[in-house]
Protein backbone atom coordinates (compact mmCIF):
# COMPACT_ATOMS: atom_id res chain seq x y z
CA MET A 1 0.00 0.00 0.00
CA THR A 2 1.26 3.49 -0.79
CA ALA A 3 1.93 6.01 1.94
CA VAL A 4 -1.35 7.08 3.50
CA LEU A 5 -2.60 10.65 3.32
CA ALA A 6 -1.70 12.24 6.68
CA ASP A 7 -5.26 13.37 7.21
CA LEU A 8 -8.21 14.85 5.34
CA PRO A 9 -9.49 18.26 6.48
CA ALA A 10 -13.02 18.01 7.80
CA THR A 11 -14.23 20.82 5.55
CA ALA A 12 -13.00 18.91 2.49
CA ALA A 13 -14.41 15.61 3.72
CA SER A 14 -17.82 17.19 4.30
CA SER A 15 -18.23 17.97 0.60
CA MET A 16 -17.22 14.49 -0.55
CA PRO A 17 -19.37 11.35 -0.78
CA VAL A 18 -18.66 8.67 1.79
CA GLU A 19 -17.08 6.40 -0.82
CA ALA A 20 -14.70 9.15 -1.93
CA VAL A 21 -13.66 9.87 1.68
CA LEU A 22 -12.94 6.20 2.31
CA ALA A 23 -10.96 5.98 -0.92
CA ALA A 24 -8.95 9.12 -0.10
CA LEU A 25 -8.05 7.68 3.30
CA GLN A 26 -7.33 4.24 1.82
CA THR A 27 -9.73 2.52 4.19
CA SER A 28 -13.19 0.92 4.21
CA SER A 29 -16.23 0.70 6.41
CA ASP A 30 -14.57 -2.33 8.05
CA GLY A 31 -11.80 -0.08 9.38
CA LEU A 32 -8.08 -0.80 9.48
CA SER A 33 -5.96 -3.70 10.53
CA THR A 34 -3.83 -3.44 13.66
CA GLU A 35 -0.70 -3.57 11.53
CA GLU A 36 -1.87 -0.74 9.26
CA SER A 37 -3.02 1.43 12.18
CA THR A 38 0.41 1.03 13.80
CA ARG A 39 2.10 2.07 10.55
CA ARG A 40 -0.10 5.12 10.20
CA ARG A 41 0.41 6.16 13.81
CA ALA A 42 4.16 6.17 13.16
CA LEU A 43 3.51 8.57 10.25
CA VAL A 44 0.99 11.00 11.77
CA GLY A 45 1.71 10.62 15.49
CA ALA A 46 -0.59 9.94 18.42
CA ASN A 47 -4.09 11.38 18.57
CA ALA A 48 -3.14 13.67 21.45
CA LEU A 49 -3.25 17.43 21.89
CA ARG A 50 -0.14 17.89 24.03
CA THR A 51 1.92 16.08 26.64
CA HIS A 52 2.75 17.71 29.94
CA HIS A 53 6.09 16.90 31.56
CA ALA A 54 7.39 18.45 34.77
CA SER A 55 10.94 19.74 34.22
CA ALA A 56 13.05 21.14 37.02
CA LEU A 57 15.38 23.34 34.96
CA PRO A 58 12.70 25.58 33.36
CA VAL A 59 11.03 26.00 36.76
CA LEU A 60 14.35 27.00 38.35
CA ALA A 61 15.11 29.38 35.47
CA ARG A 62 11.80 31.19 36.04
CA GLN A 63 12.72 31.62 39.71
CA LEU A 64 16.13 33.15 38.88
CA ARG A 65 15.15 35.70 36.23
CA SER A 66 13.96 38.44 38.59
CA PRO A 67 16.01 41.68 38.40
CA LEU A 68 15.42 42.19 42.13
CA LEU A 69 17.05 38.82 42.78
CA VAL A 70 20.10 39.95 40.78
CA LEU A 71 20.28 43.10 42.91
CA LEU A 72 20.15 41.09 46.15
CA VAL A 73 22.85 38.69 44.95
CA GLY A 74 25.03 41.63 43.99
CA THR A 75 24.46 43.25 47.37
CA ALA A 76 25.42 40.02 49.14
CA ALA A 77 28.60 39.75 47.06
CA VAL A 78 29.63 43.35 47.80
CA SER A 79 28.93 42.88 51.51
CA PHE A 80 31.09 39.77 51.55
CA PHE A 81 34.06 41.45 49.90
CA VAL A 82 33.94 44.59 52.06
CA GLY A 83 34.01 42.49 55.19
CA ASP A 84 30.35 42.62 56.25
CA ARG A 85 30.14 38.83 56.33
CA ALA A 86 27.09 38.73 58.61
CA ASP A 87 25.01 40.91 56.25
CA SER A 88 26.20 38.85 53.29
CA VAL A 89 25.14 35.59 54.93
CA ILE A 90 21.72 36.98 55.90
CA ILE A 91 21.00 38.29 52.39
CA ALA A 92 22.19 35.03 50.81
CA ALA A 93 20.01 33.01 53.17
CA ILE A 94 16.95 35.11 52.30
CA VAL A 95 17.62 34.71 48.57
CA LEU A 96 18.12 30.95 48.84
CA LEU A 97 15.01 30.56 50.98
CA SER A 98 12.91 32.61 48.55
CA VAL A 99 14.16 30.75 45.47
CA GLY A 100 13.88 27.39 47.23
CA LEU A 101 10.29 27.90 48.36
CA GLY A 102 9.22 29.27 44.97
CA PHE A 103 10.88 26.38 43.15
CA ALA A 104 9.43 23.74 45.49
CA ASN A 105 5.87 25.08 45.19
CA GLU A 106 5.93 25.49 41.41
CA TYR A 107 7.65 22.16 40.77
CA ARG A 108 5.15 20.32 42.97
CA ALA A 109 2.34 21.98 41.00
CA GLU A 110 3.95 20.87 37.72
CA GLN A 111 4.24 17.31 39.01
CA ALA A 112 0.60 17.34 40.11
CA VAL A 113 -0.50 18.44 36.64
CA GLU A 114 1.66 15.72 35.05
CA ALA A 115 0.07 13.12 37.35
CA LEU A 116 -3.42 14.30 36.35
CA HIS A 117 -2.49 14.06 32.67
CA ALA A 118 -1.25 10.52 33.22
CA GLN A 119 -4.48 9.48 34.95
CA ILE A 120 -6.77 10.80 32.21
CA ALA A 121 -7.44 8.04 29.71
CA HIS A 122 -10.31 8.02 27.19
CA ARG A 123 -11.17 4.86 25.32
CA SER A 124 -13.04 4.67 22.05
CA VAL A 125 -14.91 1.87 20.30
CA VAL A 126 -12.96 1.33 17.08
CA ARG A 127 -13.24 -1.29 14.34
CA ARG A 128 -9.91 -3.13 14.04
CA ASP A 129 -9.26 -6.32 12.09
CA GLY A 130 -12.95 -6.45 11.17
CA ARG A 131 -14.29 -6.42 14.74
CA TRP A 132 -15.22 -3.77 17.29
CA ASP A 133 -12.79 -3.21 20.14
CA ARG A 134 -12.10 -0.61 22.82
CA ARG A 135 -8.82 1.21 22.30
CA ASP A 136 -7.14 4.21 23.85
CA MET A 137 -8.17 7.38 22.06
CA THR A 138 -4.52 8.24 21.40
CA GLU A 139 -4.25 5.18 19.13
CA LEU A 140 -6.74 6.51 16.57
CA VAL A 141 -5.42 7.40 13.12
CA PRO A 142 -6.99 8.74 9.92
CA GLY A 143 -8.91 5.88 8.33
CA ASP A 144 -10.09 4.29 11.58
CA VAL A 145 -13.83 3.64 11.88
CA VAL A 146 -15.23 4.46 15.33
CA ARG A 147 -18.60 4.19 17.01
CA ILE A 148 -20.04 7.05 19.08
CA GLU A 149 -23.10 7.06 21.33
CA LEU A 150 -24.86 9.06 24.02
CA GLY A 151 -22.48 10.74 26.48
CA VAL A 152 -19.31 9.98 24.52
CA ASN A 153 -16.70 12.61 23.71
CA VAL A 154 -16.04 12.57 19.98
CA PRO A 155 -12.38 11.38 19.88
CA ALA A 156 -11.37 12.94 16.53
CA ASP A 157 -12.85 14.72 13.53
CA LEU A 158 -15.21 12.18 11.94
CA ARG A 159 -16.96 11.94 8.58
CA LEU A 160 -20.17 10.17 9.55
CA LEU A 161 -20.95 6.81 7.95
CA ARG A 162 -24.09 6.16 9.96
CA ALA A 163 -26.27 8.36 12.16
CA ASP A 164 -29.28 7.18 14.18
CA HIS A 165 -31.00 10.27 15.62
CA LEU A 166 -27.50 11.55 16.33
CA GLU A 167 -27.04 14.96 17.97
CA CYS A 168 -23.83 16.57 19.27
CA ASP A 169 -23.29 19.35 21.78
CA GLU A 170 -20.86 21.67 19.98
CA ALA A 171 -20.85 24.52 22.50
CA VAL A 172 -17.13 24.06 23.13
CA LEU A 173 -16.46 25.04 19.49
CA THR A 174 -19.38 27.20 18.37
CA GLY A 175 -20.89 28.51 21.60
CA GLU A 176 -24.28 27.21 20.46
CA SER A 177 -26.24 25.89 23.44
CA ARG A 178 -28.59 23.68 21.44
CA PRO A 179 -27.38 20.27 20.24
CA ALA A 180 -26.65 20.03 16.52
CA PRO A 181 -28.44 17.25 14.61
CA LYS A 182 -26.14 15.06 12.54
CA ALA A 183 -26.70 13.00 9.42
CA VAL A 184 -24.71 11.13 6.79
CA ASP A 185 -26.05 13.43 4.07
CA ALA A 186 -24.03 16.66 4.09
CA MET A 187 -27.03 18.63 2.78
CA THR A 188 -29.14 17.84 5.85
CA ALA A 189 -29.61 20.91 8.05
CA GLY A 190 -27.11 20.90 10.85
CA GLY A 191 -26.64 23.01 13.96
CA ALA A 192 -24.36 26.01 13.65
CA PRO A 193 -24.54 28.01 10.39
CA GLY A 194 -21.91 26.79 7.94
CA GLU A 195 -21.11 23.69 10.01
CA PRO A 196 -21.60 20.51 7.93
CA SER A 197 -24.03 18.10 9.54
CA CYS A 198 -22.07 15.09 8.31
CA ILE A 199 -19.01 16.00 10.42
CA ALA A 200 -18.65 15.22 14.14
CA ARG A 201 -15.89 17.37 15.60
CA MET A 202 -13.30 16.31 18.14
CA GLY A 203 -14.11 17.55 21.65
CA THR A 204 -17.87 17.71 21.15
CA ILE A 205 -20.21 15.46 23.13
CA VAL A 206 -22.89 13.13 21.82
CA SER A 207 -26.12 14.33 23.42
CA ALA A 208 -28.51 11.94 21.66
CA GLY A 209 -28.52 8.91 19.40
CA ARG A 210 -25.57 7.00 18.06
CA GLY A 211 -23.49 6.74 14.93
CA GLU A 212 -20.36 5.59 13.20
CA GLY A 213 -17.73 7.63 11.44
CA VAL A 214 -14.35 7.43 9.78
CA VAL A 215 -11.52 9.44 11.33
CA VAL A 216 -10.39 12.20 8.95
CA THR A 217 -8.25 14.42 11.23
CA THR A 218 -6.58 13.77 14.58
CA GLY A 219 -4.78 15.56 17.40
CA ALA A 220 -3.61 19.14 17.13
CA ARG A 221 -4.68 19.34 13.47
CA THR A 222 -8.34 19.44 14.49
CA ASP A 223 -10.17 22.68 15.34
CA PHE A 224 -10.45 21.54 18.95
CA GLY A 225 -6.72 20.79 18.99
CA ALA A 226 -5.90 24.28 17.73
CA ILE A 227 -8.03 25.82 20.48
CA ALA A 228 -6.46 23.61 23.14
CA ALA A 229 -2.97 24.47 21.93
CA GLY A 230 -3.78 28.18 22.24
CA LEU A 231 -5.09 27.72 25.77
CA GLY A 232 -1.99 25.76 26.69
CA GLU A 233 0.32 28.68 25.93
CA ARG A 234 1.72 30.61 28.86
CA HIS A 235 -0.55 33.51 29.75
CA ALA A 236 0.67 37.05 29.39
CA GLU A 237 1.86 38.73 32.58
CA THR A 238 -0.69 40.70 34.58
CA GLU A 239 -0.37 44.46 35.02
CA PHE A 240 0.84 43.87 38.58
CA GLN A 241 3.55 41.46 37.39
CA VAL A 242 4.64 43.86 34.66
CA GLY A 243 4.77 46.73 37.18
CA LEU A 244 6.72 44.67 39.71
CA ARG A 245 9.22 43.60 37.07
CA GLY A 246 9.61 47.21 35.95
CA PHE A 247 10.12 48.38 39.53
CA SER A 248 12.76 45.69 40.05
CA ARG A 249 14.60 46.85 36.92
CA LEU A 250 14.40 50.43 38.20
CA LEU A 251 16.00 49.42 41.51
CA VAL A 252 18.80 47.66 39.63
CA GLN A 253 19.36 50.74 37.46
CA VAL A 254 19.39 53.10 40.48
CA ALA A 255 21.85 50.84 42.29
CA ALA A 256 24.09 50.74 39.23
CA VAL A 257 24.01 54.54 38.84
CA LEU A 258 24.76 55.11 42.52
CA SER A 259 27.61 52.60 42.49
CA ALA A 260 29.12 54.17 39.38
CA SER A 261 28.71 57.67 40.85
CA ILE A 262 30.39 56.73 44.14
CA PHE A 263 33.22 55.05 42.24
CA ALA A 264 33.72 58.11 40.05
CA ILE A 265 33.64 60.50 43.04
CA ASN A 266 36.27 58.41 44.81
CA LEU A 267 38.50 58.56 41.74
CA VAL A 268 38.02 62.32 41.35
CA LEU A 269 38.90 62.83 45.02
CA GLN A 270 41.95 60.64 44.44
CA ARG A 271 40.84 58.01 46.88
CA PRO A 272 42.54 54.61 46.65
CA VAL A 273 41.18 52.59 43.73
CA LEU A 274 40.63 49.56 45.94
CA ASP A 275 38.42 51.59 48.29
CA ALA A 276 36.56 52.98 45.31
CA LEU A 277 35.88 49.48 44.01
CA LEU A 278 34.63 48.43 47.43
CA LEU A 279 32.32 51.47 47.59
CA LYS A 280 33.95 52.70 50.83
CA PHE A 281 35.26 56.16 51.63
CA THR A 282 38.61 56.38 53.36
CA SER A 283 39.74 59.08 55.74
CA PRO A 284 41.69 61.94 54.15
CA PRO A 285 45.47 61.55 54.44
């Protein structure tokens, strides 16, 4: 068999007869074999939106990028070299405690989210090797034939092959509160304007009836996947966070200007260079 088409956009599949969709996906109403589904999954990847992994280094990096933290570390270093060892130790202890607590809390939260991701497992009824079987949703590939019924989350974008009084709640995608009726015939009136009735979208919920459909698009290439990917991006900083970061940068700039000014004044007054570097005035000779 030639290399399979990665997927078929739902909008294109909606305008094609069922036979043409099956031919384009190199499948049939009997579904795929286990061997073929494994081959296709290697080509298109798992039917998953994203994988969350807790990583210590990025968490630690976020804790260390504060300008105020840089100022405190610099202050501790200067205190150490000028002989104020007690102040240096106190400042260093405060910095370490702050970074340690922030890192521990955020890393534990990341691990909790990873554990929740690992526990979530959705199974779908899919036709493999000519018989119906329950498989993990992530195993679905374009060309698989799946069965959906009342209360089931649609596991991928499907071109319907059969629909028995089938209705889907598409509020997650369209905002429409009423369930959308579905049918095999694309010309049958659907729910949201412009939404083909012969397509069941990933992430929607079957609110009535049952049906069968062939998978045309999986994972992040679906509309639901695109929305989920956008929600998964790191949120922009709040006004408070932006203001706090700006204030921290201002403190660093003021400290740098004052240090440079004191150093320059010491040099102009012909103070010893070492004392100028240590930001200490010496008694006049």
